[in-house]
């Protein structure tokens, strides 16, 4: 496996989670391992979307991969569910391997995408998100707290636009 661009850790529910961040230019650079989640910055017009819950907490749109789904299928389904928008173009930017103290590792893919404006009410079956807000990248960075990996993710997107 290639060398990670960033190696860091964070506390989550009292556990230290180790993170390895790898940058990619296309899907062929993502290893053939199970992907647990796909999240991204979704551009609509000149702004980017963050989804929010009923407490007003913002998150990157996206979510868990269902059995047999590809990265693209997960992305399209999650954006339709959480934002009722349709992806028109997308690009993988990187992936992170998160390892818990018991040795369990999850792989999460990060993408940048363009989408159509919403098509009506949100249909999130998990009912975790109630809407989305469009904002510039500086505002996105202030609303999400993903540490050094999040800052790098925003920097990559900024360089692409």
C-alpha atoms as a PDB file:
ATOM      1  CA  UNK A   1       0.000   0.000   0.000  1.00  0.00           C
ATOM      2  CA  UNK A   2       1.156   3.529  -0.706  1.00  0.00           C
ATOM      3  CA  UNK A   3       2.295   6.016   1.914  1.00  0.00           C
ATOM      4  CA  UNK A   4      -0.426   8.214   3.478  1.00  0.00           C
ATOM      5  CA  UNK A   5      -0.312  11.991   2.968  1.00  0.00           C
ATOM      6  CA  UNK A   6      -1.484  12.532   6.577  1.00  0.00           C
ATOM      7  CA  UNK A   7      -1.255  10.352   9.672  1.00  0.00           C
ATOM      8  CA  UNK A   8      -3.176  11.678  12.689  1.00  0.00           C
ATOM      9  CA  UNK A   9      -5.681  10.706  15.358  1.00  0.00           C
ATOM     10  CA  UNK A  10      -8.715  12.078  17.191  1.00  0.00           C
ATOM     11  CA  UNK A  11     -10.888  11.216  20.171  1.00  0.00           C
ATOM     12  CA  UNK A  12     -14.363   9.837  19.437  1.00  0.00           C
ATOM     13  CA  UNK A  13     -16.638   8.695  22.252  1.00  0.00           C
ATOM     14  CA  UNK A  14     -13.619   8.317  24.526  1.00  0.00           C
ATOM     15  CA  UNK A  15     -11.642   6.207  22.040  1.00  0.00           C
ATOM     16  CA  UNK A  16      -8.513   7.247  20.179  1.00  0.00           C
ATOM     17  CA  UNK A  17      -9.121   6.771  16.439  1.00  0.00           C
ATOM     18  CA  UNK A  18      -6.047   6.599  14.206  1.00  0.00           C
ATOM     19  CA  UNK A  19      -6.434   8.145  10.739  1.00  0.00           C
ATOM     20  CA  UNK A  20      -4.414   7.614   7.577  1.00  0.00           C
ATOM     21  CA  UNK A  21      -5.366   9.991   4.714  1.00  0.00           C
ATOM     22  CA  UNK A  22      -4.510   9.105   1.112  1.00  0.00           C
ATOM     23  CA  UNK A  23      -5.024  11.441  -1.848  1.00  0.00           C
ATOM     24  CA  UNK A  24      -6.219  10.167  -5.221  1.00  0.00           C
ATOM     25  CA  UNK A  25      -6.854  11.540  -8.697  1.00  0.00           C
ATOM     26  CA  UNK A  26      -9.188   8.769  -9.880  1.00  0.00           C
ATOM     27  CA  UNK A  27     -10.946   5.594  -8.764  1.00  0.00           C
ATOM     28  CA  UNK A  28      -8.093   3.323  -9.874  1.00  0.00           C
ATOM     29  CA  UNK A  29      -5.988   4.670  -6.987  1.00  0.00           C
ATOM     30  CA  UNK A  30      -8.453   3.514  -4.317  1.00  0.00           C
ATOM     31  CA  UNK A  31      -7.515   0.033  -3.079  1.00  0.00           C
ATOM     32  CA  UNK A  32      -9.895  -2.856  -3.615  1.00  0.00           C
ATOM     33  CA  UNK A  33     -11.054  -2.994   0.001  1.00  0.00           C
ATOM     34  CA  UNK A  34     -14.553  -2.650   1.485  1.00  0.00           C
ATOM     35  CA  UNK A  35     -15.682   0.994   1.570  1.00  0.00           C
ATOM     36  CA  UNK A  36     -17.887   1.783   4.569  1.00  0.00           C
ATOM     37  CA  UNK A  37     -18.774   5.416   3.779  1.00  0.00           C
ATOM     38  CA  UNK A  38     -18.713   7.997   0.986  1.00  0.00           C
ATOM     39  CA  UNK A  39     -18.948  11.734   1.780  1.00  0.00           C
ATOM     40  CA  UNK A  40     -18.294  14.812  -0.281  1.00  0.00           C
ATOM     41  CA  UNK A  41     -18.498  18.462  -0.986  1.00  0.00           C
ATOM     42  CA  UNK A  42     -21.408  18.912  -3.331  1.00  0.00           C
ATOM     43  CA  UNK A  43     -21.329  22.026  -5.500  1.00  0.00           C
ATOM     44  CA  UNK A  44     -24.596  23.577  -6.657  1.00  0.00           C
ATOM     45  CA  UNK A  45     -24.021  26.690  -8.725  1.00  0.00           C
ATOM     46  CA  UNK A  46     -21.116  28.545  -7.094  1.00  0.00           C
ATOM     47  CA  UNK A  47     -21.730  27.258  -3.531  1.00  0.00           C
ATOM     48  CA  UNK A  48     -21.236  24.005  -1.625  1.00  0.00           C
ATOM     49  CA  UNK A  49     -23.827  22.114   0.390  1.00  0.00           C
ATOM     50  CA  UNK A  50     -23.667  20.966   3.983  1.00  0.00           C
ATOM     51  CA  UNK A  51     -26.571  18.941   5.363  1.00  0.00           C
ATOM     52  CA  UNK A  52     -27.950  19.695   8.825  1.00  0.00           C
ATOM     53  CA  UNK A  53     -29.997  17.903  11.457  1.00  0.00           C
ATOM     54  CA  UNK A  54     -32.860  19.170  13.633  1.00  0.00           C
ATOM     55  CA  UNK A  55     -30.325  20.512  16.158  1.00  0.00           C
ATOM     56  CA  UNK A  56     -28.673  22.625  13.461  1.00  0.00           C
ATOM     57  CA  UNK A  57     -25.469  20.530  13.345  1.00  0.00           C
ATOM     58  CA  UNK A  58     -23.812  20.570   9.909  1.00  0.00           C
ATOM     59  CA  UNK A  59     -22.159  17.583   8.199  1.00  0.00           C
ATOM     60  CA  UNK A  60     -20.721  16.643   4.842  1.00  0.00           C
ATOM     61  CA  UNK A  61     -23.438  14.991   2.728  1.00  0.00           C
ATOM     62  CA  UNK A  62     -23.022  11.271   2.205  1.00  0.00           C
ATOM     63  CA  UNK A  63     -23.198   8.122   4.242  1.00  0.00           C
ATOM     64  CA  UNK A  64     -22.859   4.386   4.580  1.00  0.00           C
ATOM     65  CA  UNK A  65     -22.300   2.078   1.645  1.00  0.00           C
ATOM     66  CA  UNK A  66     -24.963  -0.588   1.299  1.00  0.00           C
ATOM     67  CA  UNK A  67     -24.056  -4.176   0.424  1.00  0.00           C
ATOM     68  CA  UNK A  68     -22.882  -4.454  -3.177  1.00  0.00           C
ATOM     69  CA  UNK A  69     -22.884  -0.707  -3.852  1.00  0.00           C
ATOM     70  CA  UNK A  70     -20.064   1.028  -5.685  1.00  0.00           C
ATOM     71  CA  UNK A  71     -18.647   4.361  -4.538  1.00  0.00           C
ATOM     72  CA  UNK A  72     -20.662   6.131  -7.234  1.00  0.00           C
ATOM     73  CA  UNK A  73     -23.896   4.310  -6.361  1.00  0.00           C
ATOM     74  CA  UNK A  74     -23.493   5.211  -2.682  1.00  0.00           C
ATOM     75  CA  UNK A  75     -22.779   8.851  -3.527  1.00  0.00           C
ATOM     76  CA  UNK A  76     -25.777   9.159  -5.855  1.00  0.00           C
ATOM     77  CA  UNK A  77     -28.179   7.441  -3.434  1.00  0.00           C
ATOM     78  CA  UNK A  78     -27.042   9.415  -0.382  1.00  0.00           C
ATOM     79  CA  UNK A  79     -27.244  12.796  -2.160  1.00  0.00           C
ATOM     80  CA  UNK A  80     -30.702  11.956  -3.458  1.00  0.00           C
ATOM     81  CA  UNK A  81     -31.843  10.890   0.040  1.00  0.00           C
ATOM     82  CA  UNK A  82     -30.237  13.705   2.038  1.00  0.00           C
ATOM     83  CA  UNK A  83     -30.616  16.588  -0.411  1.00  0.00           C
ATOM     84  CA  UNK A  84     -33.046  15.344  -3.091  1.00  0.00           C
ATOM     85  CA  UNK A  85     -30.460  16.429  -5.665  1.00  0.00           C
ATOM     86  CA  UNK A  86     -28.974  14.593  -8.625  1.00  0.00           C
ATOM     87  CA  UNK A  87     -25.217  14.249  -9.115  1.00  0.00           C
ATOM     88  CA  UNK A  88     -24.150  15.431 -12.576  1.00  0.00           C
ATOM     89  CA  UNK A  89     -20.359  15.119 -12.222  1.00  0.00           C
ATOM     90  CA  UNK A  90     -18.034  13.808  -9.506  1.00  0.00           C
ATOM     91  CA  UNK A  91     -14.397  13.062  -8.739  1.00  0.00           C
ATOM     92  CA  UNK A  92     -12.762  11.124  -5.894  1.00  0.00           C
ATOM     93  CA  UNK A  93     -10.255  13.184  -3.929  1.00  0.00           C
ATOM     94  CA  UNK A  94      -9.042  10.750  -1.318  1.00  0.00           C
ATOM     95  CA  UNK A  95      -9.831   8.129   1.246  1.00  0.00           C
ATOM     96  CA  UNK A  96      -9.107   7.689   4.900  1.00  0.00           C
ATOM     97  CA  UNK A  97      -8.540   4.559   6.938  1.00  0.00           C
ATOM     98  CA  UNK A  98      -9.884   4.916  10.492  1.00  0.00           C
ATOM     99  CA  UNK A  99      -8.631   2.371  13.021  1.00  0.00           C
ATOM    100  CA  UNK A 100     -10.116   1.914  16.502  1.00  0.00           C
ATOM    101  CA  UNK A 101      -8.126   0.686  19.532  1.00  0.00           C
ATOM    102  CA  UNK A 102      -9.513  -2.847  19.014  1.00  0.00           C
ATOM    103  CA  UNK A 103      -7.975  -2.919  15.507  1.00  0.00           C
ATOM    104  CA  UNK A 104     -11.188  -2.470  13.472  1.00  0.00           C
ATOM    105  CA  UNK A 105     -10.513  -0.403  10.340  1.00  0.00           C
ATOM    106  CA  UNK A 106     -13.091   1.485   8.255  1.00  0.00           C
ATOM    107  CA  UNK A 107     -12.422   3.016   4.849  1.00  0.00           C
ATOM    108  CA  UNK A 108     -14.170   6.273   3.977  1.00  0.00           C
ATOM    109  CA  UNK A 109     -13.959   7.902   0.540  1.00  0.00           C
ATOM    110  CA  UNK A 110     -14.114  11.680   0.004  1.00  0.00           C
ATOM    111  CA  UNK A 111     -15.296  13.231  -3.259  1.00  0.00           C
ATOM    112  CA  UNK A 112     -16.129  16.561  -4.830  1.00  0.00           C
ATOM    113  CA  UNK A 113     -19.246  16.642  -6.996  1.00  0.00           C
ATOM    114  CA  UNK A 114     -21.620  18.895  -8.874  1.00  0.00           C
ATOM    115  CA  UNK A 115     -25.370  18.442  -8.544  1.00  0.00           C
ATOM    116  CA  UNK A 116     -28.668  19.851  -9.719  1.00  0.00           C
ATOM    117  CA  UNK A 117     -30.719  22.047  -7.402  1.00  0.00           C
ATOM    118  CA  UNK A 118     -33.100  20.226  -5.125  1.00  0.00           C
ATOM    119  CA  UNK A 119     -36.153  18.502  -6.507  1.00  0.00           C
ATOM    120  CA  UNK A 120     -38.510  18.971  -3.562  1.00  0.00           C
ATOM    121  CA  UNK A 121     -38.657  17.641  -0.005  1.00  0.00           C
ATOM    122  CA  UNK A 122     -35.809  15.566   1.416  1.00  0.00           C
ATOM    123  CA  UNK A 123     -36.472  11.833   1.597  1.00  0.00           C
ATOM    124  CA  UNK A 124     -33.777  10.697   4.059  1.00  0.00           C
ATOM    125  CA  UNK A 125     -34.948   7.247   5.264  1.00  0.00           C
ATOM    126  CA  UNK A 126     -32.683   7.509   8.313  1.00  0.00           C
ATOM    127  CA  UNK A 127     -34.342  10.869   9.049  1.00  0.00           C
ATOM    128  CA  UNK A 128     -30.989  12.177  10.293  1.00  0.00           C
ATOM    129  CA  UNK A 129     -30.930  15.285   8.128  1.00  0.00           C
ATOM    130  CA  UNK A 130     -33.730  17.759   7.558  1.00  0.00           C
ATOM    131  CA  UNK A 131     -32.136  20.088   5.025  1.00  0.00           C
ATOM    132  CA  UNK A 132     -29.031  21.517   3.482  1.00  0.00           C
ATOM    133  CA  UNK A 133     -27.483  24.946   3.251  1.00  0.00           C
ATOM    134  CA  UNK A 134     -25.367  26.320   0.419  1.00  0.00           C
ATOM    135  CA  UNK A 135     -22.235  28.249   1.412  1.00  0.00           C
ATOM    136  CA  UNK A 136     -18.782  29.240   0.223  1.00  0.00           C
ATOM    137  CA  UNK A 137     -15.753  27.085   1.085  1.00  0.00           C
ATOM    138  CA  UNK A 138     -14.627  29.361   3.936  1.00  0.00           C
ATOM    139  CA  UNK A 139     -18.010  28.859   5.627  1.00  0.00           C
ATOM    140  CA  UNK A 140     -17.898  25.112   4.994  1.00  0.00           C
ATOM    141  CA  UNK A 141     -14.515  24.938   6.700  1.00  0.00           C
ATOM    142  CA  UNK A 142     -15.880  26.818   9.748  1.00  0.00           C
ATOM    143  CA  UNK A 143     -18.897  24.492  10.072  1.00  0.00           C
ATOM    144  CA  UNK A 144     -17.136  21.139   9.876  1.00  0.00           C
ATOM    145  CA  UNK A 145     -14.476  20.098  12.333  1.00  0.00           C
ATOM    146  CA  UNK A 146     -12.475  17.359  10.665  1.00  0.00           C
ATOM    147  CA  UNK A 147      -9.032  18.398  11.864  1.00  0.00           C
ATOM    148  CA  UNK A 148      -6.015  18.352   9.572  1.00  0.00           C
ATOM    149  CA  UNK A 149      -7.661  15.915   7.159  1.00  0.00           C
ATOM    150  CA  UNK A 150     -10.692  18.201   6.799  1.00  0.00           C
ATOM    151  CA  UNK A 151      -8.461  21.207   6.202  1.00  0.00           C
ATOM    152  CA  UNK A 152      -6.548  19.292   3.519  1.00  0.00           C
ATOM    153  CA  UNK A 153      -9.817  18.150   1.910  1.00  0.00           C
ATOM    154  CA  UNK A 154     -11.020  21.778   1.689  1.00  0.00           C
ATOM    155  CA  UNK A 155      -7.608  22.857   0.315  1.00  0.00           C
ATOM    156  CA  UNK A 156      -7.794  20.228  -2.449  1.00  0.00           C
ATOM    157  CA  UNK A 157     -11.321  21.333  -3.404  1.00  0.00           C
ATOM    158  CA  UNK A 158     -10.261  24.986  -3.363  1.00  0.00           C
ATOM    159  CA  UNK A 159      -7.437  24.158  -5.803  1.00  0.00           C
ATOM    160  CA  UNK A 160      -9.865  22.357  -8.125  1.00  0.00           C
ATOM    161  CA  UNK A 161     -12.354  25.203  -8.510  1.00  0.00           C
END
